[in-house]
């Protein structure tokens, strides 16, 4: 799976926007943007490193995935290691389907964490 496919997959989800809020290299996918407030981030990737994806993850599941796929999944680089996983794309063990499922999980975790009012304002 490549970064263009991941971008398309993320943007197909309801309420997802993309931005470069930190610099011109780090593409961020957010959920729940409103005119008054930025949404919450569920995925990031650096254009200079298109083979690496950061995804939000429930802490116990994050550890389980790291244990199961140590060559491809690690604690999220420069992120809260408890809630973020770094995924090395193109490895021998993870399928595109598994990566999509992890993106779905990150989206779902973020959606659940959004306050009800923000979900409603964003049409979610």
PDB file of N, CA and C in Angstrom:
ATOM      1  N   UNK A   1       0.852  -1.168   0.000  1.00  0.00           N
ATOM      2  CA  UNK A   1       0.000   0.000   0.000  1.00  0.00           C
ATOM      3  C   UNK A   1       0.899   1.233   0.000  1.00  0.00           C
ATOM      4  N   UNK A   2       0.569   2.212  -0.824  1.00  0.00           N
ATOM      5  CA  UNK A   2       1.379   3.424  -0.883  1.00  0.00           C
ATOM      6  C   UNK A   2       0.617   4.608  -0.298  1.00  0.00           C
ATOM      7  N   UNK A   3       1.315   5.702  -0.147  1.00  0.00           N
ATOM      8  CA  UNK A   3       0.744   6.851   0.542  1.00  0.00           C
ATOM      9  C   UNK A   3      -0.421   7.469  -0.231  1.00  0.00           C
ATOM     10  N   UNK A   4      -0.409   7.395  -1.552  1.00  0.00           N
ATOM     11  CA  UNK A   4      -1.529   7.928  -2.342  1.00  0.00           C
ATOM     12  C   UNK A   4      -2.801   7.121  -2.092  1.00  0.00           C
ATOM     13  N   UNK A   5      -2.660   5.817  -2.014  1.00  0.00           N
ATOM     14  CA  UNK A   5      -3.804   4.948  -1.730  1.00  0.00           C
ATOM     15  C   UNK A   5      -4.323   5.200  -0.320  1.00  0.00           C
ATOM     16  N   UNK A   6      -3.419   5.359   0.619  1.00  0.00           N
ATOM     17  CA  UNK A   6      -3.810   5.655   2.002  1.00  0.00           C
ATOM     18  C   UNK A   6      -4.545   6.991   2.062  1.00  0.00           C
ATOM     19  N   UNK A   7      -4.029   7.990   1.361  1.00  0.00           N
ATOM     20  CA  UNK A   7      -4.687   9.302   1.335  1.00  0.00           C
ATOM     21  C   UNK A   7      -6.110   9.172   0.810  1.00  0.00           C
ATOM     22  N   UNK A   8      -6.276   8.507  -0.310  1.00  0.00           N
ATOM     23  CA  UNK A   8      -7.610   8.315  -0.891  1.00  0.00           C
ATOM     24  C   UNK A   8      -8.531   7.582   0.084  1.00  0.00           C
ATOM     25  N   UNK A   9      -8.008   6.557   0.728  1.00  0.00           N
ATOM     26  CA  UNK A   9      -8.817   5.764   1.659  1.00  0.00           C
ATOM     27  C   UNK A   9      -9.273   6.617   2.843  1.00  0.00           C
ATOM     28  N   UNK A  10      -8.364   7.404   3.395  1.00  0.00           N
ATOM     29  CA  UNK A  10      -8.717   8.258   4.538  1.00  0.00           C
ATOM     30  C   UNK A  10      -9.757   9.304   4.138  1.00  0.00           C
ATOM     31  N   UNK A  11      -9.583   9.917   2.977  1.00  0.00           N
ATOM     32  CA  UNK A  11     -10.486  10.993   2.565  1.00  0.00           C
ATOM     33  C   UNK A  11     -11.871  10.495   2.163  1.00  0.00           C
ATOM     34  N   UNK A  12     -12.028   9.198   1.927  1.00  0.00           N
ATOM     35  CA  UNK A  12     -13.351   8.635   1.642  1.00  0.00           C
ATOM     36  C   UNK A  12     -14.227   8.574   2.887  1.00  0.00           C
ATOM     37  N   UNK A  13     -13.627   8.639   4.039  1.00  0.00           N
ATOM     38  CA  UNK A  13     -14.378   8.509   5.292  1.00  0.00           C
ATOM     39  C   UNK A  13     -15.120   9.811   5.606  1.00  0.00           C
ATOM     40  N   UNK A  14     -16.323   9.700   6.149  1.00  0.00           N
ATOM     41  CA  UNK A  14     -17.115  10.898   6.454  1.00  0.00           C
ATOM     42  C   UNK A  14     -16.405  11.838   7.427  1.00  0.00           C
ATOM     43  N   UNK A  15     -16.402  13.118   7.094  1.00  0.00           N
ATOM     44  CA  UNK A  15     -15.882  14.137   7.989  1.00  0.00           C
ATOM     45  C   UNK A  15     -14.387  14.300   8.029  1.00  0.00           C
ATOM     46  N   UNK A  16     -13.655  13.593   7.173  1.00  0.00           N
ATOM     47  CA  UNK A  16     -12.190  13.662   7.200  1.00  0.00           C
ATOM     48  C   UNK A  16     -11.698  14.814   6.338  1.00  0.00           C
ATOM     49  N   UNK A  17     -10.751  15.570   6.889  1.00  0.00           N
ATOM     50  CA  UNK A  17     -10.066  16.614   6.137  1.00  0.00           C
ATOM     51  C   UNK A  17      -8.568  16.358   6.220  1.00  0.00           C
ATOM     52  N   UNK A  18      -7.848  16.959   5.297  1.00  0.00           N
ATOM     53  CA  UNK A  18      -6.389  16.848   5.316  1.00  0.00           C
ATOM     54  C   UNK A  18      -5.797  18.244   5.426  1.00  0.00           C
ATOM     55  N   UNK A  19      -4.622  18.331   6.018  1.00  0.00           N
ATOM     56  CA  UNK A  19      -3.968  19.623   6.192  1.00  0.00           C
ATOM     57  C   UNK A  19      -2.485  19.403   6.459  1.00  0.00           C
ATOM     58  N   UNK A  20      -1.743  20.504   6.408  1.00  0.00           N
ATOM     59  CA  UNK A  20      -0.332  20.531   6.770  1.00  0.00           C
ATOM     60  C   UNK A  20      -0.163  21.539   7.911  1.00  0.00           C
ATOM     61  N   UNK A  21      -0.680  21.236   9.113  1.00  0.00           N
ATOM     62  CA  UNK A  21      -0.673  22.230  10.182  1.00  0.00           C
ATOM     63  C   UNK A  21       0.689  22.467  10.835  1.00  0.00           C
ATOM     64  N   UNK A  22       1.614  21.550  10.683  1.00  0.00           N
ATOM     65  CA  UNK A  22       2.900  21.659  11.375  1.00  0.00           C
ATOM     66  C   UNK A  22       3.994  22.224  10.482  1.00  0.00           C
ATOM     67  N   UNK A  23       4.009  21.785   9.241  1.00  0.00           N
ATOM     68  CA  UNK A  23       5.025  22.197   8.278  1.00  0.00           C
ATOM     69  C   UNK A  23       4.533  21.801   6.884  1.00  0.00           C
ATOM     70  N   UNK A  24       5.334  21.980   5.891  1.00  0.00           N
ATOM     71  CA  UNK A  24       4.940  21.644   4.532  1.00  0.00           C
ATOM     72  C   UNK A  24       5.173  20.193   4.161  1.00  0.00           C
ATOM     73  N   UNK A  25       5.611  19.392   5.105  1.00  0.00           N
ATOM     74  CA  UNK A  25       5.951  17.996   4.834  1.00  0.00           C
ATOM     75  C   UNK A  25       5.056  16.985   5.530  1.00  0.00           C
ATOM     76  N   UNK A  26       4.415  17.361   6.619  1.00  0.00           N
ATOM     77  CA  UNK A  26       3.649  16.401   7.413  1.00  0.00           C
ATOM     78  C   UNK A  26       2.169  16.519   7.100  1.00  0.00           C
ATOM     79  N   UNK A  27       1.659  15.530   6.374  1.00  0.00           N
ATOM     80  CA  UNK A  27       0.251  15.477   6.000  1.00  0.00           C
ATOM     81  C   UNK A  27      -0.538  14.857   7.146  1.00  0.00           C
ATOM     82  N   UNK A  28      -1.574  15.578   7.570  1.00  0.00           N
ATOM     83  CA  UNK A  28      -2.380  15.184   8.717  1.00  0.00           C
ATOM     84  C   UNK A  28      -3.812  14.950   8.270  1.00  0.00           C
ATOM     85  N   UNK A  29      -4.408  13.875   8.764  1.00  0.00           N
ATOM     86  CA  UNK A  29      -5.818  13.589   8.512  1.00  0.00           C
ATOM     87  C   UNK A  29      -6.564  13.794   9.814  1.00  0.00           C
ATOM     88  N   UNK A  30      -7.584  14.668   9.760  1.00  0.00           N
ATOM     89  CA  UNK A  30      -8.349  15.017  10.954  1.00  0.00           C
ATOM     90  C   UNK A  30      -9.815  14.681  10.754  1.00  0.00           C
ATOM     91  N   UNK A  31     -10.478  14.567  11.866  1.00  0.00           N
ATOM     92  CA  UNK A  31     -11.902  14.264  11.898  1.00  0.00           C
ATOM     93  C   UNK A  31     -12.584  15.288  12.792  1.00  0.00           C
ATOM     94  N   UNK A  32     -13.686  15.847  12.318  1.00  0.00           N
ATOM     95  CA  UNK A  32     -14.465  16.754  13.142  1.00  0.00           C
ATOM     96  C   UNK A  32     -14.101  18.212  13.008  1.00  0.00           C
ATOM     97  N   UNK A  33     -13.489  18.626  11.892  1.00  0.00           N
ATOM     98  CA  UNK A  33     -13.207  20.045  11.688  1.00  0.00           C
ATOM     99  C   UNK A  33     -14.514  20.823  11.606  1.00  0.00           C
ATOM    100  N   UNK A  34     -14.544  21.963  12.247  1.00  0.00           N
ATOM    101  CA  UNK A  34     -15.669  22.904  12.133  1.00  0.00           C
ATOM    102  C   UNK A  34     -15.068  24.274  11.853  1.00  0.00           C
ATOM    103  N   UNK A  35     -15.869  25.236  11.433  1.00  0.00           N
ATOM    104  CA  UNK A  35     -15.311  26.575  11.200  1.00  0.00           C
ATOM    105  C   UNK A  35     -14.642  27.173  12.438  1.00  0.00           C
ATOM    106  N   UNK A  36     -15.116  26.796  13.619  1.00  0.00           N
ATOM    107  CA  UNK A  36     -14.571  27.362  14.850  1.00  0.00           C
ATOM    108  C   UNK A  36     -13.434  26.547  15.456  1.00  0.00           C
ATOM    109  N   UNK A  37     -13.322  25.291  15.095  1.00  0.00           N
ATOM    110  CA  UNK A  37     -12.388  24.424  15.812  1.00  0.00           C
ATOM    111  C   UNK A  37     -11.804  23.362  14.871  1.00  0.00           C
ATOM    112  N   UNK A  38     -10.497  23.109  15.057  1.00  0.00           N
ATOM    113  CA  UNK A  38      -9.866  22.017  14.313  1.00  0.00           C
ATOM    114  C   UNK A  38     -10.317  20.694  14.901  1.00  0.00           C
ATOM    115  N   UNK A  39     -10.402  19.698  14.056  1.00  0.00           N
ATOM    116  CA  UNK A  39     -10.763  18.370  14.521  1.00  0.00           C
ATOM    117  C   UNK A  39      -9.576  17.662  15.156  1.00  0.00           C
ATOM    118  N   UNK A  40      -9.780  16.405  15.424  1.00  0.00           N
ATOM    119  CA  UNK A  40      -8.734  15.593  16.047  1.00  0.00           C
ATOM    120  C   UNK A  40      -8.017  14.763  14.991  1.00  0.00           C
ATOM    121  N   UNK A  41      -6.734  14.615  15.189  1.00  0.00           N
ATOM    122  CA  UNK A  41      -5.892  13.880  14.249  1.00  0.00           C
ATOM    123  C   UNK A  41      -6.021  12.380  14.506  1.00  0.00           C
ATOM    124  N   UNK A  42      -6.144  11.606  13.415  1.00  0.00           N
ATOM    125  CA  UNK A  42      -6.134  10.152  13.558  1.00  0.00           C
ATOM    126  C   UNK A  42      -5.042   9.493  12.728  1.00  0.00           C
ATOM    127  N   UNK A  43      -4.445  10.221  11.779  1.00  0.00           N
ATOM    128  CA  UNK A  43      -3.368   9.656  10.963  1.00  0.00           C
ATOM    129  C   UNK A  43      -2.449  10.782  10.491  1.00  0.00           C
ATOM    130  N   UNK A  44      -1.173  10.458  10.379  1.00  0.00           N
ATOM    131  CA  UNK A  44      -0.177  11.406   9.871  1.00  0.00           C
ATOM    132  C   UNK A  44       0.812  10.661   8.994  1.00  0.00           C
ATOM    133  N   UNK A  45       1.366  11.386   8.040  1.00  0.00           N
ATOM    134  CA  UNK A  45       2.482  10.836   7.275  1.00  0.00           C
ATOM    135  C   UNK A  45       3.350  11.993   6.800  1.00  0.00           C
ATOM    136  N   UNK A  46       4.633  11.746   6.749  1.00  0.00           N
ATOM    137  CA  UNK A  46       5.584  12.750   6.273  1.00  0.00           C
ATOM    138  C   UNK A  46       5.864  12.478   4.807  1.00  0.00           C
ATOM    139  N   UNK A  47       5.716  13.502   3.974  1.00  0.00           N
ATOM    140  CA  UNK A  47       5.945  13.329   2.541  1.00  0.00           C
ATOM    141  C   UNK A  47       7.383  12.935   2.250  1.00  0.00           C
ATOM    142  N   UNK A  48       8.310  13.339   3.117  1.00  0.00           N
ATOM    143  CA  UNK A  48       9.712  12.958   2.929  1.00  0.00           C
ATOM    144  C   UNK A  48       9.959  11.497   3.305  1.00  0.00           C
ATOM    145  N   UNK A  49       8.995  10.897   3.967  1.00  0.00           N
ATOM    146  CA  UNK A  49       9.107   9.485   4.369  1.00  0.00           C
ATOM    147  C   UNK A  49       7.795   8.766   4.041  1.00  0.00           C
ATOM    148  N   UNK A  50       7.501   8.572   2.764  1.00  0.00           N
ATOM    149  CA  UNK A  50       6.199   8.021   2.350  1.00  0.00           C
ATOM    150  C   UNK A  50       5.989   6.547   2.688  1.00  0.00           C
ATOM    151  N   UNK A  51       6.998   5.911   3.257  1.00  0.00           N
ATOM    152  CA  UNK A  51       6.879   4.498   3.620  1.00  0.00           C
ATOM    153  C   UNK A  51       6.537   4.314   5.098  1.00  0.00           C
ATOM    154  N   UNK A  52       6.117   5.399   5.775  1.00  0.00           N
ATOM    155  CA  UNK A  52       5.865   5.363   7.209  1.00  0.00           C
ATOM    156  C   UNK A  52       4.574   6.116   7.508  1.00  0.00           C
ATOM    157  N   UNK A  53       3.684   5.474   8.256  1.00  0.00           N
ATOM    158  CA  UNK A  53       2.378   6.040   8.588  1.00  0.00           C
ATOM    159  C   UNK A  53       2.177   5.976  10.092  1.00  0.00           C
ATOM    160  N   UNK A  54       1.712   7.067  10.679  1.00  0.00           N
ATOM    161  CA  UNK A  54       1.386   7.108  12.102  1.00  0.00           C
ATOM    162  C   UNK A  54      -0.127   7.021  12.254  1.00  0.00           C
ATOM    163  N   UNK A  55      -0.576   6.092  13.111  1.00  0.00           N
ATOM    164  CA  UNK A  55      -2.013   5.894  13.325  1.00  0.00           C
ATOM    165  C   UNK A  55      -2.344   5.871  14.813  1.00  0.00           C
ATOM    166  N   UNK A  56      -3.440   6.519  15.151  1.00  0.00           N
ATOM    167  CA  UNK A  56      -3.992   6.472  16.506  1.00  0.00           C
ATOM    168  C   UNK A  56      -4.434   5.036  16.783  1.00  0.00           C
ATOM    169  N   UNK A  57      -4.300   4.599  18.028  1.00  0.00           N
ATOM    170  CA  UNK A  57      -4.673   3.229  18.355  1.00  0.00           C
ATOM    171  C   UNK A  57      -5.007   3.113  19.834  1.00  0.00           C
ATOM    172  N   UNK A  58      -5.967   2.291  20.141  1.00  0.00           N
ATOM    173  CA  UNK A  58      -6.309   1.983  21.528  1.00  0.00           C
ATOM    174  C   UNK A  58      -5.072   1.341  22.165  1.00  0.00           C
ATOM    175  N   UNK A  59      -4.678   1.754  23.363  1.00  0.00           N
ATOM    176  CA  UNK A  59      -3.399   1.332  23.938  1.00  0.00           C
ATOM    177  C   UNK A  59      -3.148  -0.174  23.994  1.00  0.00           C
ATOM    178  N   UNK A  60      -4.100  -0.969  24.453  1.00  0.00           N
ATOM    179  CA  UNK A  60      -3.863  -2.412  24.524  1.00  0.00           C
ATOM    180  C   UNK A  60      -3.698  -3.020  23.143  1.00  0.00           C
ATOM    181  N   UNK A  61      -4.492  -2.557  22.218  1.00  0.00           N
ATOM    182  CA  UNK A  61      -4.380  -3.042  20.845  1.00  0.00           C
ATOM    183  C   UNK A  61      -3.049  -2.610  20.228  1.00  0.00           C
ATOM    184  N   UNK A  62      -2.602  -1.404  20.549  1.00  0.00           N
ATOM    185  CA  UNK A  62      -1.324  -0.915  20.033  1.00  0.00           C
ATOM    186  C   UNK A  62      -0.191  -1.855  20.438  1.00  0.00           C
ATOM    187  N   UNK A  63      -0.170  -2.230  21.699  1.00  0.00           N
ATOM    188  CA  UNK A  63       0.868  -3.155  22.176  1.00  0.00           C
ATOM    189  C   UNK A  63       0.758  -4.519  21.509  1.00  0.00           C
ATOM    190  N   UNK A  64      -0.466  -5.006  21.373  1.00  0.00           N
ATOM    191  CA  UNK A  64      -0.670  -6.304  20.731  1.00  0.00           C
ATOM    192  C   UNK A  64      -0.141  -6.295  19.298  1.00  0.00           C
ATOM    193  N   UNK A  65      -0.436  -5.233  18.546  1.00  0.00           N
ATOM    194  CA  UNK A  65       0.034  -5.143  17.166  1.00  0.00           C
ATOM    195  C   UNK A  65       1.558  -5.047  17.100  1.00  0.00           C
ATOM    196  N   UNK A  66       2.148  -4.306  18.014  1.00  0.00           N
ATOM    197  CA  UNK A  66       3.623  -4.193  18.046  1.00  0.00           C
ATOM    198  C   UNK A  66       4.267  -5.537  18.339  1.00  0.00           C
ATOM    199  N   UNK A  67       3.657  -6.309  19.248  1.00  0.00           N
ATOM    200  CA  UNK A  67       4.183  -7.634  19.569  1.00  0.00           C
ATOM    201  C   UNK A  67       4.036  -8.593  18.391  1.00  0.00           C
ATOM    202  N   UNK A  68       2.921  -8.503  17.686  1.00  0.00           N
ATOM    203  CA  UNK A  68       2.643  -9.413  16.581  1.00  0.00           C
ATOM    204  C   UNK A  68       3.465  -9.085  15.331  1.00  0.00           C
ATOM    205  N   UNK A  69       3.713  -7.797  15.083  1.00  0.00           N
ATOM    206  CA  UNK A  69       4.426  -7.367  13.873  1.00  0.00           C
ATOM    207  C   UNK A  69       5.593  -6.445  14.229  1.00  0.00           C
ATOM    208  N   UNK A  70       6.593  -6.940  14.963  1.00  0.00           N
ATOM    209  CA  UNK A  70       7.674  -6.061  15.433  1.00  0.00           C
ATOM    210  C   UNK A  70       8.520  -5.454  14.313  1.00  0.00           C
ATOM    211  N   UNK A  71       8.551  -6.085  13.160  1.00  0.00           N
ATOM    212  CA  UNK A  71       9.338  -5.541  12.053  1.00  0.00           C
ATOM    213  C   UNK A  71       8.636  -4.380  11.363  1.00  0.00           C
ATOM    214  N   UNK A  72       7.308  -4.295  11.527  1.00  0.00           N
ATOM    215  CA  UNK A  72       6.553  -3.291  10.772  1.00  0.00           C
ATOM    216  C   UNK A  72       5.793  -2.288  11.644  1.00  0.00           C
ATOM    217  N   UNK A  73       5.589  -2.605  12.915  1.00  0.00           N
ATOM    218  CA  UNK A  73       4.831  -1.693  13.777  1.00  0.00           C
ATOM    219  C   UNK A  73       5.651  -1.391  15.025  1.00  0.00           C
ATOM    220  N   UNK A  74       5.769  -0.104  15.319  1.00  0.00           N
ATOM    221  CA  UNK A  74       6.530   0.357  16.471  1.00  0.00           C
ATOM    222  C   UNK A  74       5.756   1.476  17.165  1.00  0.00           C
ATOM    223  N   UNK A  75       6.159   1.849  18.375  1.00  0.00           N
ATOM    224  CA  UNK A  75       5.527   3.007  19.016  1.00  0.00           C
ATOM    225  C   UNK A  75       5.677   4.229  18.107  1.00  0.00           C
ATOM    226  N   UNK A  76       4.652   5.056  18.056  1.00  0.00           N
ATOM    227  CA  UNK A  76       4.649   6.207  17.154  1.00  0.00           C
ATOM    228  C   UNK A  76       5.779   7.191  17.421  1.00  0.00           C
ATOM    229  N   UNK A  77       6.560   7.417  16.401  1.00  0.00           N
ATOM    230  CA  UNK A  77       7.698   8.313  16.473  1.00  0.00           C
ATOM    231  C   UNK A  77       7.221   9.742  16.704  1.00  0.00           C
ATOM    232  N   UNK A  78       7.747  10.413  17.698  1.00  0.00           N
ATOM    233  CA  UNK A  78       7.391  11.788  18.079  1.00  0.00           C
ATOM    234  C   UNK A  78       5.941  11.940  18.524  1.00  0.00           C
ATOM    235  N   UNK A  79       5.304  10.857  18.916  1.00  0.00           N
ATOM    236  CA  UNK A  79       3.908  10.898  19.358  1.00  0.00           C
ATOM    237  C   UNK A  79       3.823  10.225  20.729  1.00  0.00           C
ATOM    238  N   UNK A  80       2.648  10.285  21.330  1.00  0.00           N
ATOM    239  CA  UNK A  80       2.404   9.586  22.586  1.00  0.00           C
ATOM    240  C   UNK A  80       2.497   8.088  22.282  1.00  0.00           C
ATOM    241  N   UNK A  81       3.515   7.451  22.785  1.00  0.00           N
ATOM    242  CA  UNK A  81       3.793   6.043  22.458  1.00  0.00           C
ATOM    243  C   UNK A  81       2.679   5.102  22.898  1.00  0.00           C
ATOM    244  N   UNK A  82       1.898   5.521  23.849  1.00  0.00           N
ATOM    245  CA  UNK A  82       0.802   4.684  24.340  1.00  0.00           C
ATOM    246  C   UNK A  82      -0.359   4.645  23.349  1.00  0.00           C
ATOM    247  N   UNK A  83      -0.606   5.742  22.648  1.00  0.00           N
ATOM    248  CA  UNK A  83      -1.791   5.866  21.801  1.00  0.00           C
ATOM    249  C   UNK A  83      -1.501   5.912  20.297  1.00  0.00           C
ATOM    250  N   UNK A  84      -0.257   5.829  19.903  1.00  0.00           N
ATOM    251  CA  UNK A  84       0.079   5.943  18.487  1.00  0.00           C
ATOM    252  C   UNK A  84       1.047   4.843  18.063  1.00  0.00           C
ATOM    253  N   UNK A  85       0.795   4.277  16.884  1.00  0.00           N
ATOM    254  CA  UNK A  85       1.688   3.295  16.280  1.00  0.00           C
ATOM    255  C   UNK A  85       2.275   3.866  15.001  1.00  0.00           C
ATOM    256  N   UNK A  86       3.532   3.544  14.778  1.00  0.00           N
ATOM    257  CA  UNK A  86       4.188   3.848  13.520  1.00  0.00           C
ATOM    258  C   UNK A  86       4.193   2.586  12.674  1.00  0.00           C
ATOM    259  N   UNK A  87       3.700   2.698  11.448  1.00  0.00           N
ATOM    260  CA  UNK A  87       3.586   1.545  10.545  1.00  0.00           C
ATOM    261  C   UNK A  87       4.582   1.716   9.410  1.00  0.00           C
ATOM    262  N   UNK A  88       5.458   0.741   9.238  1.00  0.00           N
ATOM    263  CA  UNK A  88       6.374   0.738   8.094  1.00  0.00           C
ATOM    264  C   UNK A  88       5.648   0.057   6.936  1.00  0.00           C
ATOM    265  N   UNK A  89       5.376   0.819   5.902  1.00  0.00           N
ATOM    266  CA  UNK A  89       4.639   0.299   4.751  1.00  0.00           C
ATOM    267  C   UNK A  89       5.558  -0.520   3.858  1.00  0.00           C
ATOM    268  N   UNK A  90       4.979  -1.480   3.174  1.00  0.00           N
ATOM    269  CA  UNK A  90       5.743  -2.280   2.223  1.00  0.00           C
ATOM    270  C   UNK A  90       6.475  -3.455   2.828  1.00  0.00           C
ATOM    271  N   UNK A  91       6.235  -3.739   4.090  1.00  0.00           N
ATOM    272  CA  UNK A  91       6.876  -4.879   4.735  1.00  0.00           C
ATOM    273  C   UNK A  91       6.244  -6.194   4.294  1.00  0.00           C
ATOM    274  N   UNK A  92       6.864  -7.294   4.655  1.00  0.00           N
ATOM    275  CA  UNK A  92       6.392  -8.598   4.182  1.00  0.00           C
ATOM    276  C   UNK A  92       5.175  -9.171   4.912  1.00  0.00           C
ATOM    277  N   UNK A  93       4.822  -8.630   6.074  1.00  0.00           N
ATOM    278  CA  UNK A  93       3.794  -9.281   6.881  1.00  0.00           C
ATOM    279  C   UNK A  93       2.428  -8.622   6.848  1.00  0.00           C
ATOM    280  N   UNK A  94       2.358  -7.310   6.718  1.00  0.00           N
ATOM    281  CA  UNK A  94       1.074  -6.616   6.739  1.00  0.00           C
ATOM    282  C   UNK A  94       0.464  -6.527   5.342  1.00  0.00           C
ATOM    283  N   UNK A  95      -0.784  -6.905   5.251  1.00  0.00           N
ATOM    284  CA  UNK A  95      -1.492  -6.803   3.974  1.00  0.00           C
ATOM    285  C   UNK A  95      -2.153  -5.429   3.873  1.00  0.00           C
ATOM    286  N   UNK A  96      -2.563  -5.059   2.672  1.00  0.00           N
ATOM    287  CA  UNK A  96      -3.301  -3.815   2.486  1.00  0.00           C
ATOM    288  C   UNK A  96      -4.578  -3.829   3.314  1.00  0.00           C
ATOM    289  N   UNK A  97      -5.226  -4.965   3.390  1.00  0.00           N
ATOM    290  CA  UNK A  97      -6.444  -5.097   4.182  1.00  0.00           C
ATOM    291  C   UNK A  97      -6.199  -4.820   5.655  1.00  0.00           C
ATOM    292  N   UNK A  98      -5.080  -5.300   6.181  1.00  0.00           N
ATOM    293  CA  UNK A  98      -4.755  -5.053   7.586  1.00  0.00           C
ATOM    294  C   UNK A  98      -4.462  -3.573   7.834  1.00  0.00           C
ATOM    295  N   UNK A  99      -3.784  -2.939   6.898  1.00  0.00           N
ATOM    296  CA  UNK A  99      -3.502  -1.512   7.033  1.00  0.00           C
ATOM    297  C   UNK A  99      -4.811  -0.720   6.985  1.00  0.00           C
ATOM    298  N   UNK A 100      -5.708  -1.074   6.081  1.00  0.00           N
ATOM    299  CA  UNK A 100      -7.019  -0.417   6.022  1.00  0.00           C
ATOM    300  C   UNK A 100      -7.786  -0.617   7.323  1.00  0.00           C
ATOM    301  N   UNK A 101      -7.705  -1.802   7.884  1.00  0.00           N
ATOM    302  CA  UNK A 101      -8.397  -2.075   9.143  1.00  0.00           C
ATOM    303  C   UNK A 101      -7.815  -1.220  10.271  1.00  0.00           C
ATOM    304  N   UNK A 102      -6.496  -1.006  10.273  1.00  0.00           N
ATOM    305  CA  UNK A 102      -5.885  -0.156  11.288  1.00  0.00           C
ATOM    306  C   UNK A 102      -6.299   1.303  11.098  1.00  0.00           C
ATOM    307  N   UNK A 103      -6.435   1.733   9.851  1.00  0.00           N
ATOM    308  CA  UNK A 103      -6.933   3.086   9.577  1.00  0.00           C
ATOM    309  C   UNK A 103      -8.375   3.207  10.074  1.00  0.00           C
ATOM    310  N   UNK A 104      -9.193   2.189   9.798  1.00  0.00           N
ATOM    311  CA  UNK A 104     -10.583   2.187  10.277  1.00  0.00           C
ATOM    312  C   UNK A 104     -10.633   2.285  11.801  1.00  0.00           C
ATOM    313  N   UNK A 105      -9.752   1.550  12.463  1.00  0.00           N
ATOM    314  CA  UNK A 105      -9.700   1.583  13.928  1.00  0.00           C
ATOM    315  C   UNK A 105      -9.321   2.982  14.414  1.00  0.00           C
ATOM    316  N   UNK A 106      -8.306   3.589  13.793  1.00  0.00           N
ATOM    317  CA  UNK A 106      -7.870   4.934  14.181  1.00  0.00           C
ATOM    318  C   UNK A 106      -9.009   5.934  14.002  1.00  0.00           C
ATOM    319  N   UNK A 107      -9.713   5.829  12.903  1.00  0.00           N
ATOM    320  CA  UNK A 107     -10.868   6.700  12.632  1.00  0.00           C
ATOM    321  C   UNK A 107     -11.942   6.492  13.701  1.00  0.00           C
ATOM    322  N   UNK A 108     -12.266   5.249  13.994  1.00  0.00           N
ATOM    323  CA  UNK A 108     -13.296   4.935  14.983  1.00  0.00           C
ATOM    324  C   UNK A 108     -12.932   5.417  16.373  1.00  0.00           C
ATOM    325  N   UNK A 109     -11.673   5.234  16.782  1.00  0.00           N
ATOM    326  CA  UNK A 109     -11.226   5.711  18.090  1.00  0.00           C
ATOM    327  C   UNK A 109     -11.351   7.228  18.183  1.00  0.00           C
ATOM    328  N   UNK A 110     -11.004   7.904  17.113  1.00  0.00           N
ATOM    329  CA  UNK A 110     -11.063   9.361  17.100  1.00  0.00           C
ATOM    330  C   UNK A 110     -12.502   9.847  17.085  1.00  0.00           C
ATOM    331  N   UNK A 111     -13.344   9.189  16.324  1.00  0.00           N
ATOM    332  CA  UNK A 111     -14.758   9.556  16.275  1.00  0.00           C
ATOM    333  C   UNK A 111     -15.393   9.425  17.661  1.00  0.00           C
ATOM    334  N   UNK A 112     -15.109   8.337  18.352  1.00  0.00           N
ATOM    335  CA  UNK A 112     -15.647   8.130  19.704  1.00  0.00           C
ATOM    336  C   UNK A 112     -15.153   9.187  20.683  1.00  0.00           C
ATOM    337  N   UNK A 113     -13.961   9.700  20.474  1.00  0.00           N
ATOM    338  CA  UNK A 113     -13.382  10.674  21.395  1.00  0.00           C
ATOM    339  C   UNK A 113     -13.875  12.105  21.158  1.00  0.00           C
ATOM    340  N   UNK A 114     -14.468  12.353  20.002  1.00  0.00           N
ATOM    341  CA  UNK A 114     -14.968  13.702  19.732  1.00  0.00           C
ATOM    342  C   UNK A 114     -16.163  14.018  20.622  1.00  0.00           C
ATOM    343  N   UNK A 115     -16.214  15.198  21.177  1.00  0.00           N
ATOM    344  CA  UNK A 115     -17.399  15.584  21.936  1.00  0.00           C
ATOM    345  C   UNK A 115     -18.643  15.557  21.040  1.00  0.00           C
ATOM    346  N   UNK A 116     -19.773  15.232  21.635  1.00  0.00           N
ATOM    347  CA  UNK A 116     -21.021  15.110  20.880  1.00  0.00           C
ATOM    348  C   UNK A 116     -21.323  16.382  20.094  1.00  0.00           C
ATOM    349  N   UNK A 117     -21.123  17.513  20.708  1.00  0.00           N
ATOM    350  CA  UNK A 117     -21.414  18.778  20.028  1.00  0.00           C
ATOM    351  C   UNK A 117     -20.541  18.949  18.784  1.00  0.00           C
ATOM    352  N   UNK A 118     -19.275  18.617  18.904  1.00  0.00           N
ATOM    353  CA  UNK A 118     -18.372  18.745  17.764  1.00  0.00           C
ATOM    354  C   UNK A 118     -18.747  17.759  16.658  1.00  0.00           C
ATOM    355  N   UNK A 119     -19.155  16.548  17.035  1.00  0.00           N
ATOM    356  CA  UNK A 119     -19.627  15.572  16.038  1.00  0.00           C
ATOM    357  C   UNK A 119     -20.830  16.126  15.299  1.00  0.00           C
ATOM    358  N   UNK A 120     -21.754  16.704  16.041  1.00  0.00           N
ATOM    359  CA  UNK A 120     -22.975  17.233  15.421  1.00  0.00           C
ATOM    360  C   UNK A 120     -22.654  18.414  14.505  1.00  0.00           C
ATOM    361  N   UNK A 121     -21.787  19.328  14.958  1.00  0.00           N
ATOM    362  CA  UNK A 121     -21.402  20.492  14.136  1.00  0.00           C
ATOM    363  C   UNK A 121     -20.692  20.070  12.858  1.00  0.00           C
ATOM    364  N   UNK A 122     -19.953  18.963  12.925  1.00  0.00           N
ATOM    365  CA  UNK A 122     -19.219  18.459  11.754  1.00  0.00           C
ATOM    366  C   UNK A 122     -20.090  17.526  10.909  1.00  0.00           C
ATOM    367  N   UNK A 123     -21.314  17.271  11.345  1.00  0.00           N
ATOM    368  CA  UNK A 123     -22.220  16.406  10.587  1.00  0.00           C
ATOM    369  C   UNK A 123     -21.890  14.939  10.701  1.00  0.00           C
ATOM    370  N   UNK A 124     -21.365  14.513  11.840  1.00  0.00           N
ATOM    371  CA  UNK A 124     -20.971  13.118  12.016  1.00  0.00           C
ATOM    372  C   UNK A 124     -21.926  12.381  12.939  1.00  0.00           C
TER     373      UNK A 124
END
